[in-house]
Amino acid sequence: MLPDSLGEAVDALAAVPAAVPVAGGTDLMAAVNAGRLRPAALVGLGRINELRGWQYQDGYALLGATLTHSRMDRPDFAALMPALAAAARAAGPPQVRNAGTLGGNIVSAQPTGDTLPVLAALEAVLCLAGPDGAREVPVSHLLTGLDPLRGGELVSHVRVQLLHAPQVFLKSSPRSGPSRAPVSIAVVLDPGRRAVRCAVGGPAPVPLRPLEAEQWVAEYIDWDASQGARSIDPAASAAFGDYVAQACVPEPPEGGPLGAGAQRLRRTVAVLARRALGRVLR
């Protein structure tokens, strides 16, 4: 099925409840080829123009669900949402970035999905369309299952506040170049609320927000300094990295020492968190 409008797509999903929406299909086809998914039907979203682009909307950016990673990597987009552009740039080789979409990354909800920590740190809101009408859900609620997609619903847009403040995305990978990362991190400054937002992808099935670490480090930042002149004591920066790592890779529930793999993961998270904080404060 190839609907020409969002309404037609919603009607098609309502008519065939077991159908699966598809745009780029990079994650979906991998699941099909691996035998993890056998959709009864596919509803192609490629013809729906309103889902392809992005626009300004009262201090927010409204991003279409079929916006591709390669489109998000362009200068006009990167100037407003640099962390999301960096995540899109790191999402894979050109053929994947040209086909893969923002909505697909969200709905697939892979632990290593590059855009997911950025969306969590930006506190993005998902606009959903379904047979019962439109509704909005925080991205964190959908990813954690607190408010999942309902029957016949699809993600139409993603609404992101434009903070006009430093934000960074970093990932650690076992090989050079774009790839799936065992750890990725987004750190965003929110000067209006004098807050630091951080989200870590990889250690858990969903991006983790170390809220206590965010609140703690915000007290060590000189928010009255001009942008680019903010700094933080190196000891506080290192402590922030450790704080984030301990929150994301906790001690074993049964007690005892961390295993070698968990220790490496914790070190990686600590290093990335420290580096990301340093870069947003430059």
Foldseek 3Di string as FASTA:
>chain_A
DEDQEPVVLLVVCVVPLQEEEDFLCPVVVVCVVVVNDDGPHYYYDPNHVLQAAWDDDDQKIKHRQQDFLVNCLDPVNCQQQVALNVLSQQADPPSCRVRDGNQVLLVSLALQSSNQFVLVLQQKKFWKQHPVGIDIDGSVCCSVVVPHDDGSMGTGIIMGGRQSAFKHKDFDPPDDGRDRGQKIKIWTARLVVLWIWMWMGHLDSHIDTLVVLGVVLSVQWDSPDDQLPIDGDLVNLLVSLLSQLCVSLPADPVDDDDDPVSVVSSVVSSVNSSVRVGVRRD
